[in-house]
């Protein structure tokens, strides 16, 4: 067995928990579809300024990431559990 396999299994478990936590905790005004093979989520804000109003997180326009990014933001949940919780609790001081 390769030495990295236990780490990979744990990382996949953590990312799965984070993506599901986002689905449970994002406000209903923000669209969200569970990502299948990445640690990147693309919440659909549907209107300008929703992220700042709902979660108090300053984000970049999703259009910067290519076609189909309109009304979306890129959220990398490959971060620590406390940071994900902080973002979802609306107490984040993170900016882009």
Protein backbone atom coordinates (compact mmCIF):
# COMPACT_ATOMS: atom_id res chain seq x y z
CA UNK A 1 0.00 0.00 0.00
CA UNK A 2 1.32 3.42 -0.91
CA UNK A 3 2.07 5.79 1.94
CA UNK A 4 -0.16 8.52 0.46
CA UNK A 5 -3.37 6.46 0.28
CA UNK A 6 -4.50 7.05 3.88
CA UNK A 7 -3.94 10.79 3.40
CA UNK A 8 -5.93 10.75 0.16
CA UNK A 9 -8.82 8.83 1.73
CA UNK A 10 -8.98 11.32 4.61
CA UNK A 11 -8.79 14.30 2.24
CA UNK A 12 -11.63 12.94 0.09
CA UNK A 13 -13.74 12.44 3.24
CA UNK A 14 -13.05 16.00 4.41
CA UNK A 15 -13.86 17.53 1.01
CA UNK A 16 -17.09 15.52 0.86
CA UNK A 17 -18.08 16.82 4.29
CA UNK A 18 -17.28 20.42 3.26
CA UNK A 19 -19.27 20.26 0.01
CA UNK A 20 -22.27 18.87 1.88
CA UNK A 21 -21.87 21.49 4.62
CA UNK A 22 -22.02 24.19 1.94
CA UNK A 23 -25.22 22.65 0.56
CA UNK A 24 -26.80 22.68 4.02
CA UNK A 25 -25.65 26.11 5.14
CA UNK A 26 -25.67 28.43 2.12
CA UNK A 27 -28.70 30.74 2.15
CA UNK A 28 -31.57 29.65 -0.09
CA UNK A 29 -31.09 32.84 -2.12
CA UNK A 30 -27.77 31.43 -3.35
CA UNK A 31 -27.96 28.55 -5.83
CA UNK A 32 -25.60 25.63 -5.29
CA UNK A 33 -24.95 22.30 -6.96
CA UNK A 34 -22.72 19.72 -5.28
CA UNK A 35 -19.37 19.52 -7.07
CA UNK A 36 -18.53 15.97 -8.10
CA UNK A 37 -14.77 15.82 -8.53
CA UNK A 38 -13.16 18.97 -7.20
CA UNK A 39 -12.71 21.11 -4.12
CA UNK A 40 -14.14 24.11 -5.98
CA UNK A 41 -17.75 25.18 -5.53
CA UNK A 42 -19.50 27.67 -7.81
CA UNK A 43 -22.35 29.28 -5.83
CA UNK A 44 -24.84 31.08 -8.09
CA UNK A 45 -25.56 34.48 -6.61
CA UNK A 46 -28.21 35.35 -9.15
CA UNK A 47 -27.81 39.03 -8.41
CA UNK A 48 -24.89 41.36 -7.91
CA UNK A 49 -23.83 41.85 -4.32
CA UNK A 50 -25.53 38.77 -2.85
CA UNK A 51 -22.29 37.40 -1.38
CA UNK A 52 -21.52 40.61 0.45
CA UNK A 53 -25.08 40.85 1.77
CA UNK A 54 -25.56 37.19 2.69
CA UNK A 55 -22.15 36.07 3.91
CA UNK A 56 -20.23 39.32 4.21
CA UNK A 57 -17.49 37.91 2.00
CA UNK A 58 -16.07 40.05 -0.80
CA UNK A 59 -15.69 38.01 -3.97
CA UNK A 60 -14.56 38.38 -7.58
CA UNK A 61 -16.91 38.22 -10.56
CA UNK A 62 -17.23 34.65 -11.83
CA UNK A 63 -16.95 35.86 -15.41
CA UNK A 64 -13.22 36.23 -14.77
CA UNK A 65 -13.02 32.43 -14.75
CA UNK A 66 -14.59 31.94 -18.18
CA UNK A 67 -17.84 31.42 -20.01
CA UNK A 68 -20.67 30.29 -17.73
CA UNK A 69 -19.26 32.14 -14.74
CA UNK A 70 -21.90 34.85 -14.88
CA UNK A 71 -23.62 35.35 -11.48
CA UNK A 72 -21.25 32.83 -9.87
CA UNK A 73 -18.28 33.04 -7.55
CA UNK A 74 -15.52 30.49 -7.13
CA UNK A 75 -15.24 29.10 -3.62
CA UNK A 76 -12.30 26.81 -2.86
CA UNK A 77 -13.33 24.60 0.04
CA UNK A 78 -9.95 22.85 0.14
CA UNK A 79 -9.28 24.83 3.31
CA UNK A 80 -9.60 24.19 7.03
CA UNK A 81 -12.96 23.32 8.58
CA UNK A 82 -12.90 26.41 10.84
CA UNK A 83 -12.40 28.67 7.81
CA UNK A 84 -15.30 27.05 5.92
CA UNK A 85 -17.48 27.49 9.02
CA UNK A 86 -16.39 31.12 9.39
CA UNK A 87 -17.40 31.87 5.79
CA UNK A 88 -20.77 30.17 6.24
CA UNK A 89 -21.41 31.93 9.55
CA UNK A 90 -21.00 35.28 7.81
CA UNK A 91 -18.22 36.35 10.13
CA UNK A 92 -15.46 36.16 7.56
CA UNK A 93 -13.21 39.07 6.88
CA UNK A 94 -11.84 37.40 3.76
CA UNK A 95 -11.66 39.47 0.60
CA UNK A 96 -10.63 38.82 -2.99
